[in-house]
Amino acid sequence: MARHPDTIITPNTLLTEARERLPSPRRPEQPMSRAELADVINSALTQIYPGRDLSAHYVDRRWVGKLERGEHRWPSPERRAALRHVLGVTEDIDLGLYVPRRTTWSAALREPQLAALQSRINGAAASAFLGNSSVTVITPLKQEAVRARPVVALEDVVGAQRLGELAKTLALDARFETVPIGGEVDLNRPNLVVICGPRLSRRTAAILDQDSRIRFEPTPNGIWTLRDNETGIVHRSGLDETPTRHWDVAYLGRLPRLDGKGTLIVFTGIHPQGSLGVVQLITTTIHELHRETADRCFSMLVGTQFDPDTGEPVQVDRLTPVYWHEGAPASCA
């Protein structure tokens, strides 16, 4: 199957590890080589499909190498069956095989097994980006315009659920809370991910005020913007422009708790669609984010182009580099 031009290529470590668990038939105490695996796959094809001409499906060491490098992810059904038979698994996903899609969250929804695959590759280390053994995702309640009932934005609900699913695949216990109307919430706790901006909670506003690099700023007519103090650029949501654009900007950072005894992850879009874009960024690149930021305090801006009908992210981009918070409290390493 042809690869989508926007597909990110990552090594298929699951397949490589499965091959290396098999002993070489020719070299004592050595793992099976790619060439040897190819020979066994060809033999398995003959056994699984007796009487069929399988010459078009026979493979060699170069084909195995492309699979292990992640250049191919979805071989023919016959080749997948032979791989499962030889390597002793029942599911394609156990060998890192899936239908390549563009790296958007909508694609992840269509391929839920991909998220499970990524979590296996990323391993426990990446889970530290979210929390230690558990994570509590906090979303804000808002006043419904018509009936004045407290509600949670649909995008925030979906985003929290997706983070919870990611946490579970990383062996973290996922919990969920809401910021009540009025914004009073205890943020001096470990393992928090807060999806909330300064408008809905003064506690969150105080956390964000610690960041001198990026600032939330309302315009005189009450439209919220994000200012990058390093460049002087003021970012506005496309939803607040005339004509409107289906694009939003969001803040993502790890900042000190107000009690100085730890940190928390906080992010929010100017509009909820931007928050959903951050969720996609975390979900699809958590390993890279953890490797890049470790446990340091940082902040960055994220831009999200979204589908106008569903609000789903279509493309998510970093708008700034990662800004480090030098001289931050000891809670940031």
Protein backbone atom coordinates (compact mmCIF):
# COMPACT_ATOMS: atom_id res chain seq x y z
CA MET A 1 0.00 0.00 0.00
CA ALA A 2 1.36 3.42 -0.92
CA ARG A 3 2.32 5.60 2.00
CA HIS A 4 0.55 8.93 2.55
CA PRO A 5 3.09 11.71 1.89
CA ASP A 6 2.46 13.18 5.37
CA THR A 7 2.94 9.90 7.22
CA ILE A 8 5.73 10.08 9.79
CA ILE A 9 8.15 7.15 9.45
CA THR A 10 9.23 5.56 12.74
CA PRO A 11 11.20 2.33 13.18
CA ASN A 12 9.09 -0.75 13.77
CA THR A 13 10.79 -1.90 16.95
CA LEU A 14 8.08 -4.45 17.70
CA LEU A 15 8.88 -6.37 14.53
CA THR A 16 12.63 -6.15 15.05
CA GLU A 17 12.32 -7.40 18.63
CA ALA A 18 10.09 -10.28 17.51
CA ARG A 19 12.65 -11.36 14.90
CA GLU A 20 15.53 -11.12 17.33
CA ARG A 21 13.71 -13.38 19.78
CA LEU A 22 13.94 -16.20 17.25
CA PRO A 23 17.18 -18.22 17.10
CA SER A 24 19.16 -18.32 13.90
CA PRO A 25 18.88 -21.71 12.13
CA ARG A 26 22.45 -21.39 10.90
CA ARG A 27 24.39 -19.46 13.58
CA PRO A 28 24.38 -20.96 17.09
CA GLU A 29 23.36 -18.57 19.91
CA GLN A 30 22.62 -15.78 17.43
CA PRO A 31 19.25 -14.19 16.61
CA MET A 32 17.58 -14.80 13.30
CA SER A 33 18.82 -12.45 10.57
CA ARG A 34 16.60 -10.56 8.16
CA ALA A 35 17.58 -12.90 5.34
CA GLU A 36 16.77 -15.95 7.45
CA LEU A 37 13.39 -14.46 8.43
CA ALA A 38 12.64 -13.86 4.76
CA ASP A 39 13.38 -17.52 3.97
CA VAL A 40 11.07 -18.69 6.78
CA ILE A 41 8.30 -16.34 5.63
CA ASN A 42 8.50 -17.76 2.11
CA SER A 43 8.26 -21.30 3.49
CA ALA A 44 5.27 -20.27 5.63
CA LEU A 45 3.50 -18.83 2.58
CA THR A 46 3.74 -22.21 0.87
CA GLN A 47 2.41 -23.98 3.95
CA ILE A 48 -0.48 -21.57 4.60
CA TYR A 49 -1.64 -21.35 0.97
CA PRO A 50 -0.98 -24.80 -0.57
CA GLY A 51 -1.56 -25.03 -4.29
CA ARG A 52 -1.44 -21.29 -4.88
CA ASP A 53 1.19 -19.48 -6.93
CA LEU A 54 2.74 -17.28 -4.22
CA SER A 55 5.67 -16.03 -6.27
CA ALA A 56 4.34 -12.45 -6.18
CA HIS A 57 4.35 -12.55 -2.38
CA TYR A 58 7.81 -13.97 -1.77
CA VAL A 59 10.11 -11.62 0.14
CA ASP A 60 13.82 -11.03 0.73
CA ARG A 61 16.00 -9.40 3.39
CA ARG A 62 15.53 -5.95 1.83
CA TRP A 63 11.75 -6.23 2.25
CA VAL A 64 12.21 -7.21 5.90
CA GLY A 65 14.53 -4.23 6.33
CA LYS A 66 11.92 -1.84 4.95
CA LEU A 67 9.35 -3.21 7.38
CA GLU A 68 11.70 -2.86 10.34
CA ARG A 69 12.65 0.70 9.36
CA GLY A 70 8.95 1.58 9.19
CA GLU A 71 9.03 2.37 5.46
CA HIS A 72 6.21 -0.14 4.98
CA ARG A 73 3.53 -0.75 7.60
CA TRP A 74 0.80 -2.74 5.87
CA PRO A 75 1.94 -5.71 3.71
CA SER A 76 -0.44 -7.87 1.74
CA PRO A 77 -2.82 -10.13 3.69
CA GLU A 78 -0.78 -13.19 2.65
CA ARG A 79 2.48 -11.71 3.91
CA ARG A 80 0.87 -10.58 7.16
CA ALA A 81 -0.50 -14.07 7.73
CA ALA A 82 2.95 -15.54 7.19
CA LEU A 83 4.53 -13.03 9.57
CA ARG A 84 1.99 -13.81 12.29
CA HIS A 85 2.53 -17.55 11.79
CA VAL A 86 6.33 -17.35 11.91
CA LEU A 87 6.55 -14.87 14.79
CA GLY A 88 3.84 -16.50 16.90
CA VAL A 89 1.26 -13.71 17.29
CA THR A 90 -2.44 -13.46 16.52
CA GLU A 91 -2.83 -9.73 15.80
CA ASP A 92 -1.10 -7.56 13.21
CA ILE A 93 -0.73 -4.76 15.75
CA ASP A 94 1.49 -7.03 17.88
CA LEU A 95 4.05 -6.77 15.08
CA GLY A 96 3.67 -3.02 14.59
CA LEU A 97 1.58 -3.42 11.44
CA TYR A 98 -1.23 -0.97 10.69
CA VAL A 99 -2.78 0.98 7.85
CA PRO A 100 -0.73 4.19 7.42
CA ARG A 101 -2.72 7.38 7.80
CA ARG A 102 -1.95 11.04 7.91
CA THR A 103 -0.85 11.92 11.45
CA THR A 104 -4.02 13.63 12.63
CA TRP A 105 -6.20 12.72 15.56
CA SER A 106 -9.01 11.84 13.18
CA ALA A 107 -6.70 9.21 11.74
CA ALA A 108 -5.98 7.94 15.23
CA LEU A 109 -9.70 7.56 15.78
CA ARG A 110 -9.97 5.50 12.61
CA GLU A 111 -7.01 3.42 13.74
CA PRO A 112 -7.34 3.07 17.55
CA GLN A 113 -4.79 0.28 17.49
CA LEU A 114 -2.18 2.78 16.34
CA ALA A 115 -2.40 4.57 19.67
CA ALA A 116 -1.79 1.27 21.44
CA LEU A 117 1.19 0.62 19.20
CA GLN A 118 2.69 4.03 19.90
CA SER A 119 2.35 3.53 23.63
CA ARG A 120 4.24 0.24 23.44
CA ILE A 121 7.04 1.88 21.47
CA ASN A 122 7.21 4.93 23.69
CA GLY A 123 7.37 2.85 26.86
CA ALA A 124 7.04 3.87 30.45
CA ALA A 125 9.49 6.76 30.17
CA ALA A 126 7.10 8.79 28.04
CA SER A 127 4.37 8.42 30.64
CA ALA A 128 6.37 10.73 32.91
CA PHE A 129 5.33 13.60 30.67
CA LEU A 130 1.79 13.24 32.05
CA GLY A 131 2.35 11.97 35.56
CA ASN A 132 3.85 9.46 37.93
CA SER A 133 1.65 6.35 38.29
CA SER A 134 -1.50 8.44 37.78
CA VAL A 135 -2.77 11.56 36.07
CA THR A 136 -5.74 13.78 36.87
CA VAL A 137 -7.17 15.68 33.90
CA ILE A 138 -9.07 18.82 34.91
CA THR A 139 -11.46 20.64 32.57
CA PRO A 140 -13.50 23.77 33.32
CA LEU A 141 -17.23 24.13 33.73
CA LYS A 142 -18.78 26.99 31.78
CA GLN A 143 -22.09 28.78 32.12
CA GLU A 144 -24.53 27.71 29.44
CA ALA A 145 -25.67 30.75 27.50
CA VAL A 146 -29.37 29.92 27.30
CA ARG A 147 -30.29 27.99 30.45
CA ALA A 148 -27.34 29.15 32.58
CA ARG A 149 -26.49 25.57 33.47
CA PRO A 150 -22.88 24.54 34.15
CA VAL A 151 -21.55 22.58 31.16
CA VAL A 152 -18.21 21.39 29.81
CA ALA A 153 -17.26 22.23 26.23
CA LEU A 154 -17.57 19.18 23.99
CA GLU A 155 -13.98 19.60 22.79
CA ASP A 156 -12.74 19.59 26.38
CA VAL A 157 -14.70 16.41 27.13
CA VAL A 158 -13.30 14.71 24.04
CA GLY A 159 -9.79 15.96 24.79
CA ALA A 160 -9.91 14.71 28.39
CA GLN A 161 -11.16 11.31 27.24
CA ARG A 162 -8.37 11.01 24.70
CA LEU A 163 -5.75 11.92 27.26
CA GLY A 164 -7.29 9.35 29.59
CA GLU A 165 -7.05 6.69 26.90
CA LEU A 166 -3.42 7.63 26.28
CA ALA A 167 -2.68 7.48 30.00
CA LYS A 168 -4.15 4.01 30.28
CA THR A 169 -2.03 2.72 27.40
CA LEU A 170 0.98 4.10 29.30
CA ALA A 171 -0.06 2.22 32.45
CA LEU A 172 -1.21 5.37 34.24
CA ASP A 173 -4.36 5.56 36.34
CA ALA A 174 -6.51 8.26 34.71
CA ARG A 175 -8.85 10.42 36.78
CA PHE A 176 -11.08 13.31 35.78
CA GLU A 177 -12.24 16.46 37.56
CA THR A 178 -13.84 19.78 36.64
CA VAL A 179 -13.08 23.35 37.61
CA PRO A 180 -16.35 24.60 39.15
CA ILE A 181 -18.05 27.81 38.08
CA GLY A 182 -15.99 30.56 39.69
CA GLY A 183 -12.70 28.78 39.04
CA GLU A 184 -11.77 27.71 42.59
CA VAL A 185 -9.75 24.50 42.32
CA ASP A 186 -6.80 23.05 44.23
CA LEU A 187 -3.84 22.99 41.84
CA ASN A 188 -1.23 22.23 44.50
CA ARG A 189 -1.36 18.48 43.85
CA PRO A 190 0.87 16.11 41.89
CA ASN A 191 0.17 14.64 38.45
CA LEU A 192 -2.23 17.30 37.18
CA VAL A 193 -3.04 18.12 33.56
CA VAL A 194 -5.18 21.27 33.50
CA ILE A 195 -7.13 22.22 30.36
CA CYS A 196 -8.19 25.70 31.38
CA GLY A 197 -7.37 29.30 30.60
CA PRO A 198 -7.11 32.44 32.72
CA ARG A 199 -10.64 33.65 31.98
CA LEU A 200 -12.36 30.76 33.76
CA SER A 201 -10.11 30.36 36.80
CA ARG A 202 -8.02 32.84 38.74
CA ARG A 203 -6.01 29.90 40.07
CA THR A 204 -5.06 28.94 36.53
CA ALA A 205 -4.41 32.61 35.73
CA ALA A 206 -1.94 32.78 38.63
CA ILE A 207 -0.14 29.70 37.31
CA LEU A 208 0.08 31.19 33.81
CA ASP A 209 1.28 34.56 35.14
CA GLN A 210 4.54 32.87 36.12
CA ASP A 211 5.42 32.62 32.42
CA SER A 212 7.28 35.71 31.22
CA ARG A 213 7.81 34.33 27.71
CA ILE A 214 4.19 33.90 26.63
CA ARG A 215 1.21 35.91 27.90
CA PHE A 216 -2.54 35.73 27.54
CA GLU A 217 -3.77 39.24 26.73
CA PRO A 218 -7.32 40.46 26.12
CA THR A 219 -7.83 43.20 23.56
CA PRO A 220 -9.82 46.33 24.54
CA ASN A 221 -12.95 44.73 23.08
CA GLY A 222 -12.45 41.55 25.09
CA ILE A 223 -10.92 39.22 22.49
CA TRP A 224 -8.21 37.00 23.96
CA THR A 225 -4.82 36.77 22.28
CA LEU A 226 -1.49 35.09 23.01
CA ARG A 227 1.62 37.27 22.94
CA ASP A 228 5.04 35.79 22.29
CA ASN A 229 7.26 38.18 24.25
CA GLU A 230 10.40 36.76 22.63
CA THR A 231 9.34 37.91 19.16
CA GLY A 232 6.65 40.47 19.96
CA ILE A 233 4.15 38.59 17.80
CA VAL A 234 0.54 38.65 19.01
CA HIS A 235 -1.37 35.56 17.93
CA ARG A 236 -5.13 35.75 17.39
CA SER A 237 -7.52 32.92 16.72
CA GLY A 238 -8.85 32.69 13.19
CA LEU A 239 -12.31 32.42 14.72
CA ASP A 240 -11.98 36.01 15.94
CA GLU A 241 -11.02 37.39 12.53
CA THR A 242 -13.19 38.75 9.74
CA PRO A 243 -13.67 36.71 7.66
CA THR A 244 -13.22 33.84 10.07
CA ARG A 245 -10.65 31.10 9.55
CA HIS A 246 -10.87 27.57 10.88
CA TRP A 247 -7.66 27.94 12.86
CA ASP A 248 -6.89 28.43 16.53
CA VAL A 249 -3.83 29.00 18.69
CA ALA A 250 -3.16 27.36 22.04
CA TYR A 251 -0.74 27.52 24.96
CA LEU A 252 1.08 24.43 26.26
CA GLY A 253 3.44 24.45 29.22
CA ARG A 254 4.79 22.79 32.31
CA LEU A 255 4.80 25.39 35.10
CA PRO A 256 5.51 25.44 38.84
CA ARG A 257 2.69 24.91 41.27
CA LEU A 258 1.95 27.95 43.40
CA ASP A 259 3.15 26.15 46.53
CA GLY A 260 6.55 25.57 44.91
CA LYS A 261 6.43 21.84 45.62
CA GLY A 262 5.98 20.50 42.12
CA THR A 263 4.78 21.25 38.62
CA LEU A 264 1.73 20.71 36.46
CA ILE A 265 0.93 20.55 32.77
CA VAL A 266 -1.43 23.30 31.65
CA PHE A 267 -2.78 23.99 28.19
CA THR A 268 -5.69 25.74 26.56
CA GLY A 269 -6.65 27.16 23.22
CA ILE A 270 -8.12 30.58 22.77
CA HIS A 271 -11.09 28.49 21.69
CA PRO A 272 -11.75 24.81 22.53
CA GLN A 273 -10.63 23.65 19.07
CA GLY A 274 -7.11 24.79 19.94
CA SER A 275 -7.13 22.68 23.09
CA LEU A 276 -8.08 19.65 21.02
CA GLY A 277 -5.10 20.36 18.79
CA VAL A 278 -2.79 20.24 21.82
CA VAL A 279 -4.29 16.89 22.76
CA GLN A 280 -3.42 15.62 19.29
CA LEU A 281 0.12 16.95 19.61
CA ILE A 282 0.61 15.22 22.96
CA THR A 283 -1.00 11.99 21.81
CA THR A 284 1.00 11.65 18.61
CA THR A 285 4.38 12.97 19.85
CA ILE A 286 4.49 12.27 23.60
CA HIS A 287 7.75 10.38 23.31
CA GLU A 288 9.42 13.29 21.54
CA LEU A 289 7.92 15.80 23.96
CA HIS A 290 9.21 13.90 26.96
CA ARG A 291 12.64 13.44 25.43
CA GLU A 292 12.80 17.15 24.58
CA THR A 293 11.47 18.59 27.81
CA ALA A 294 12.16 15.90 30.45
CA ASP A 295 11.00 17.42 33.75
CA ARG A 296 11.98 21.02 32.96
CA CYS A 297 9.53 23.91 33.00
CA PHE A 298 8.71 25.13 29.52
CA SER A 299 6.05 26.73 27.36
CA MET A 300 5.21 26.90 23.67
CA LEU A 301 2.44 27.90 21.28
CA VAL A 302 0.56 25.44 19.08
CA GLY A 303 -1.50 26.24 15.99
CA THR A 304 -4.41 24.04 14.92
CA GLN A 305 -6.27 24.00 11.64
CA PHE A 306 -9.54 22.18 12.19
CA ASP A 307 -12.48 20.79 10.27
CA PRO A 308 -15.31 23.36 10.39
CA ASP A 309 -17.99 20.68 10.61
CA THR A 310 -16.50 18.43 13.29
CA GLY A 311 -13.96 20.65 15.06
CA GLU A 312 -11.42 17.83 14.64
CA PRO A 313 -7.80 18.88 14.09
CA VAL A 314 -6.69 18.64 10.48
CA GLN A 315 -3.16 19.94 10.97
CA VAL A 316 -1.27 20.82 14.16
CA ASP A 317 1.97 22.82 14.15
CA ARG A 318 4.33 24.27 16.70
CA LEU A 319 4.27 28.05 16.33
CA THR A 320 7.23 28.73 18.63
CA PRO A 321 10.27 26.86 19.86
CA VAL A 322 10.19 25.37 23.33
CA TYR A 323 10.87 28.26 25.73
CA TRP A 324 12.70 27.22 28.89
CA HIS A 325 11.93 28.94 32.14
CA GLU A 326 15.35 29.76 33.50
CA GLY A 327 15.50 30.67 37.15
CA ALA A 328 12.20 28.93 37.84
CA PRO A 329 11.54 27.59 41.33
CA ALA A 330 13.19 24.38 42.46
CA SER A 331 10.04 22.48 41.51
CA CYS A 332 11.35 22.68 37.93
CA ALA A 333 14.54 20.68 37.42
